[in-house]
Every structure is written in structure tokens, then in C-alpha cells.
N, C-alpha and C. Protein backbone atom coordinates (compact mmCIF):
# COMPACT_ATOMS: atom_id res chain seq x y z
N MET A 1 -11.66 -2.04 9.70
CA MET A 1 -13.19 -0.95 8.94
C MET A 1 -11.85 -1.05 6.95
N ALA A 2 -12.39 -1.16 6.21
CA ALA A 2 -11.89 -1.78 4.76
C ALA A 2 -12.18 -0.45 4.41
N LEU A 3 -11.31 -0.05 3.52
CA LEU A 3 -11.67 1.41 2.78
C LEU A 3 -12.40 1.18 1.69
N PRO A 4 -13.03 2.32 1.10
CA PRO A 4 -13.77 1.78 -0.46
C PRO A 4 -12.79 2.10 -1.43
N PRO A 5 -13.44 0.94 -2.21
CA PRO A 5 -12.93 0.94 -3.49
C PRO A 5 -12.40 1.91 -4.18
N TRP A 6 -13.10 2.63 -4.30
CA TRP A 6 -12.83 4.51 -4.86
C TRP A 6 -12.09 4.93 -4.15
N LEU A 7 -11.61 4.77 -3.33
CA LEU A 7 -10.34 5.34 -2.26
C LEU A 7 -9.05 5.19 -2.94
N LEU A 8 -9.04 4.07 -2.72
CA LEU A 8 -7.72 2.95 -3.21
C LEU A 8 -7.84 3.62 -4.40
N ASP A 9 -8.64 3.95 -5.60
CA ASP A 9 -7.98 4.56 -6.97
C ASP A 9 -7.51 5.47 -6.84
N VAL A 10 -7.51 6.44 -5.49
CA VAL A 10 -7.36 7.88 -5.77
C VAL A 10 -6.76 8.11 -5.38
N LEU A 11 -5.83 7.58 -4.63
CA LEU A 11 -4.92 7.59 -3.24
C LEU A 11 -3.39 7.32 -4.31
N ALA A 12 -2.01 8.05 -3.64
CA ALA A 12 -1.10 8.03 -4.37
C ALA A 12 0.22 8.10 -3.00
N ALA A 13 1.35 7.13 -3.89
CA ALA A 13 2.44 7.78 -3.39
C ALA A 13 3.03 9.70 -3.15
N PRO A 14 2.91 9.69 -1.56
CA PRO A 14 3.28 11.50 -1.58
C PRO A 14 5.00 11.33 -2.58
N ASP A 15 5.45 10.89 -2.23
CA ASP A 15 6.84 11.36 -3.16
C ASP A 15 7.33 11.40 -4.64
N HIS A 16 6.07 10.47 -5.37
CA HIS A 16 6.96 10.06 -7.02
C HIS A 16 5.35 10.08 -7.01
N HIS A 17 3.66 9.44 -6.91
CA HIS A 17 2.37 9.62 -6.99
C HIS A 17 1.88 8.58 -7.80
N GLY A 18 2.81 7.41 -7.21
CA GLY A 18 2.74 5.58 -7.95
C GLY A 18 1.18 4.94 -7.14
N PRO A 19 0.52 4.56 -7.51
CA PRO A 19 -0.35 3.32 -6.98
C PRO A 19 -0.03 3.32 -5.79
N LEU A 20 -0.53 3.27 -5.14
CA LEU A 20 -0.80 2.25 -3.27
C LEU A 20 -1.59 0.91 -3.24
N HIS A 21 -1.55 0.28 -2.72
CA HIS A 21 -1.82 -1.26 -2.39
C HIS A 21 -2.55 -1.44 -0.95
N LEU A 22 -3.44 -2.27 -1.58
CA LEU A 22 -3.87 -2.43 -0.19
C LEU A 22 -3.89 -4.16 0.20
N VAL A 23 -2.48 -4.10 0.79
CA VAL A 23 -1.59 -5.39 1.58
C VAL A 23 -2.44 -6.41 2.11
N GLU A 24 -2.56 -5.45 3.90
CA GLU A 24 -2.80 -6.11 4.37
C GLU A 24 -4.23 -4.96 5.24
N PRO A 25 -5.37 -5.71 6.43
CA PRO A 25 -5.58 -4.79 6.25
C PRO A 25 -5.67 -3.25 6.67
N GLU A 26 -4.55 -3.30 7.24
CA GLU A 26 -3.91 -2.16 7.98
C GLU A 26 -3.05 -1.55 7.10
N VAL A 27 -2.20 -2.01 6.41
CA VAL A 27 -1.08 -1.16 4.89
C VAL A 27 -1.17 -1.33 4.02
N LEU A 28 -0.66 0.06 3.46
CA LEU A 28 -0.58 0.09 2.41
C LEU A 28 0.52 0.32 1.58
N TYR A 29 0.45 -0.64 0.29
CA TYR A 29 2.64 -0.43 0.34
C TYR A 29 2.31 -0.18 -1.02
N ASP A 30 3.62 1.01 -1.28
CA ASP A 30 4.03 1.33 -3.03
C ASP A 30 5.07 0.17 -3.18
N PRO A 31 4.96 0.36 -4.13
CA PRO A 31 6.12 -1.11 -4.40
C PRO A 31 7.34 -0.51 -5.29
N GLN A 32 6.53 0.44 -5.78
CA GLN A 32 8.07 1.56 -6.43
C GLN A 32 8.94 2.19 -5.32
N GLY A 33 8.56 2.15 -4.09
CA GLY A 33 9.16 3.02 -3.44
C GLY A 33 9.82 2.21 -1.50
N ARG A 34 8.55 0.67 -1.86
CA ARG A 34 9.30 -0.34 -1.04
C ARG A 34 8.82 0.66 0.09
N ARG A 35 7.40 1.07 0.28
CA ARG A 35 7.40 1.07 1.73
C ARG A 35 5.67 1.28 2.60
N ALA A 36 5.57 1.16 2.91
CA ALA A 36 4.41 0.78 4.42
C ALA A 36 4.05 2.13 3.99
N TYR A 37 2.90 1.75 4.19
CA TYR A 37 2.08 3.16 5.44
C TYR A 37 0.70 2.63 6.08
N PRO A 38 0.84 3.55 6.97
CA PRO A 38 0.23 2.25 8.05
C PRO A 38 -1.70 2.83 7.58
N ILE A 39 -2.41 1.93 7.93
CA ILE A 39 -3.89 2.64 8.19
C ILE A 39 -4.34 3.11 9.40
N VAL A 40 -4.43 3.74 10.46
CA VAL A 40 -4.42 4.17 11.20
C VAL A 40 -6.09 5.09 11.90
N ASP A 41 -6.91 3.50 11.85
CA ASP A 41 -8.73 3.73 12.36
C ASP A 41 -8.77 4.18 11.79
N GLY A 42 -8.45 3.36 10.24
CA GLY A 42 -9.53 3.66 8.95
C GLY A 42 -8.86 4.63 7.89
N ILE A 43 -8.15 5.62 8.78
CA ILE A 43 -7.25 7.00 7.94
C ILE A 43 -6.21 6.14 7.28
N PRO A 44 -5.81 6.23 5.87
CA PRO A 44 -4.84 5.76 5.76
C PRO A 44 -3.15 7.42 6.09
N VAL A 45 -2.86 6.73 6.20
CA VAL A 45 -1.33 7.59 6.97
C VAL A 45 -0.72 7.79 5.68
N LEU A 46 -0.35 9.00 5.00
CA LEU A 46 0.31 8.93 3.76
C LEU A 46 1.61 10.43 4.12
N LEU A 47 2.06 9.94 5.19
CA LEU A 47 3.64 10.61 5.85
C LEU A 47 5.09 9.78 5.20
N LEU A 48 5.81 10.62 4.25
CA LEU A 48 6.43 9.88 4.49
C LEU A 48 7.24 8.89 5.47
N ASP A 49 7.55 10.80 6.49
CA ASP A 49 8.16 9.66 8.09
C ASP A 49 7.52 9.20 8.56
N ASP A 50 6.50 8.78 8.43
CA ASP A 50 5.31 7.83 9.00
C ASP A 50 5.39 6.54 8.06
N ALA A 51 5.76 6.49 6.97
CA ALA A 51 6.29 5.23 6.67
C ALA A 51 7.77 3.91 6.95
N ARG A 52 7.34 2.82 6.19
CA ARG A 52 8.38 1.93 7.03
C ARG A 52 9.12 1.13 5.77
N ALA A 53 10.52 1.51 5.91
CA ALA A 53 11.22 0.67 4.75
C ALA A 53 11.42 -0.76 4.40
N VAL A 54 10.28 -1.58 3.60
CA VAL A 54 10.31 -3.33 3.54
C VAL A 54 11.37 -3.87 2.65
N ASP A 55 11.31 -4.78 3.78
CA ASP A 55 12.53 -5.37 2.75
C ASP A 55 12.95 -6.20 2.06
N ASP A 56 13.70 -6.64 1.77
CA ASP A 56 13.59 -7.67 0.06
C ASP A 56 12.55 -9.38 0.08
N ALA A 57 12.03 -9.70 1.36
CA ALA A 57 11.57 -10.95 1.71
C ALA A 57 9.59 -10.09 1.09
N GLU A 58 9.66 -9.05 2.40
CA GLU A 58 8.02 -8.61 2.48
C GLU A 58 8.20 -7.66 1.19
N HIS A 59 8.61 -7.03 0.38
CA HIS A 59 8.13 -6.69 -1.00
C HIS A 59 7.81 -8.20 -1.55
N GLU A 60 8.69 -9.08 -2.23
CA GLU A 60 8.22 -10.22 -3.12
C GLU A 60 6.85 -11.16 -2.27
N ARG A 61 6.66 -11.25 -0.94
CA ARG A 61 5.77 -11.18 -1.15
C ARG A 61 3.92 -10.54 -1.08
N TRP A 62 4.32 -8.97 -0.51
CA TRP A 62 3.12 -8.07 -1.39
C TRP A 62 3.23 -8.23 -2.23
N THR A 63 4.38 -8.29 -3.49
CA THR A 63 4.22 -8.10 -4.22
C THR A 63 3.46 -9.09 -5.26
N ALA A 64 3.94 -10.61 -4.99
CA ALA A 64 2.90 -11.89 -4.81
C ALA A 64 1.31 -11.72 -4.75
N VAL A 65 1.21 -10.83 -3.53
CA VAL A 65 -0.12 -10.74 -3.06
C VAL A 65 -0.66 -9.11 -4.26
N ILE A 66 -0.47 -8.19 -4.74
CA ILE A 66 -0.84 -7.14 -5.43
C ILE A 66 -1.19 -8.57 -6.98
N ALA A 67 -0.43 -9.00 -7.92
CA ALA A 67 0.22 -9.75 -9.31
C ALA A 67 -1.22 -10.78 -8.43
N GLN A 68 -1.81 -11.74 -7.62
CA GLN A 68 -2.84 -12.34 -7.11
C GLN A 68 -4.35 -11.40 -7.60
N GLY A 69 -4.13 -10.54 -7.02
CA GLY A 69 -5.07 -8.79 -6.97
C GLY A 69 -6.20 -9.09 -8.51
N ALA A 70 -4.73 -8.73 -8.77
CA ALA A 70 -5.00 -8.04 -9.92
C ALA A 70 -4.89 -9.48 -11.63
N ALA A 71 -5.03 -10.11 -11.08
CA ALA A 71 -5.43 -11.11 -11.32
C ALA A 71 -7.10 -12.01 -11.47
N ALA A 72 -7.49 -11.91 -10.27
CA ALA A 72 -8.68 -11.95 -9.56
C ALA A 72 -9.53 -10.82 -10.24
N ARG A 73 -9.49 -9.42 -10.48
CA ARG A 73 -10.34 -9.16 -11.21
C ARG A 73 -10.98 -8.97 -13.07
């Protein structure tokens, strides 16, 4: 289940309120905080305790995905 575009426009990281990006069908990514938030049954779980830290390789890969999406707009 994909998140509607309007929802992606209003979602924000819970700790610093920066933008989140859909980088995989079930993952929202916060590049500033370098945290991945799960989407469970179509519902974003934006709890810091449920987020996972992202390593350098994954951060670079997802940053490239975000840049490609911005270029496509």
C-alpha cells in the first residue's frame, strides 16, 4: 500500500521536524537524523524507539534515491 503524496508532504521527523522521504515501499527515511522509520500495514510508525540507525552505505544509497526523485519532479 503506497502512501498518498499529500501525506508525505505533511509527515516530519519526530525529533527535529525535518522532511521524511519514501525510499522503499515500507520505509521512510530521515537523512538529517539518519534514521529509517517503518511503515506497518500502510501506517508510518514515527516513534524514535522504533526507528533504526542507518549506516554510511545505506545513507548514500537512499540519498541518491531521494535526489533521483527530486530530479524527476
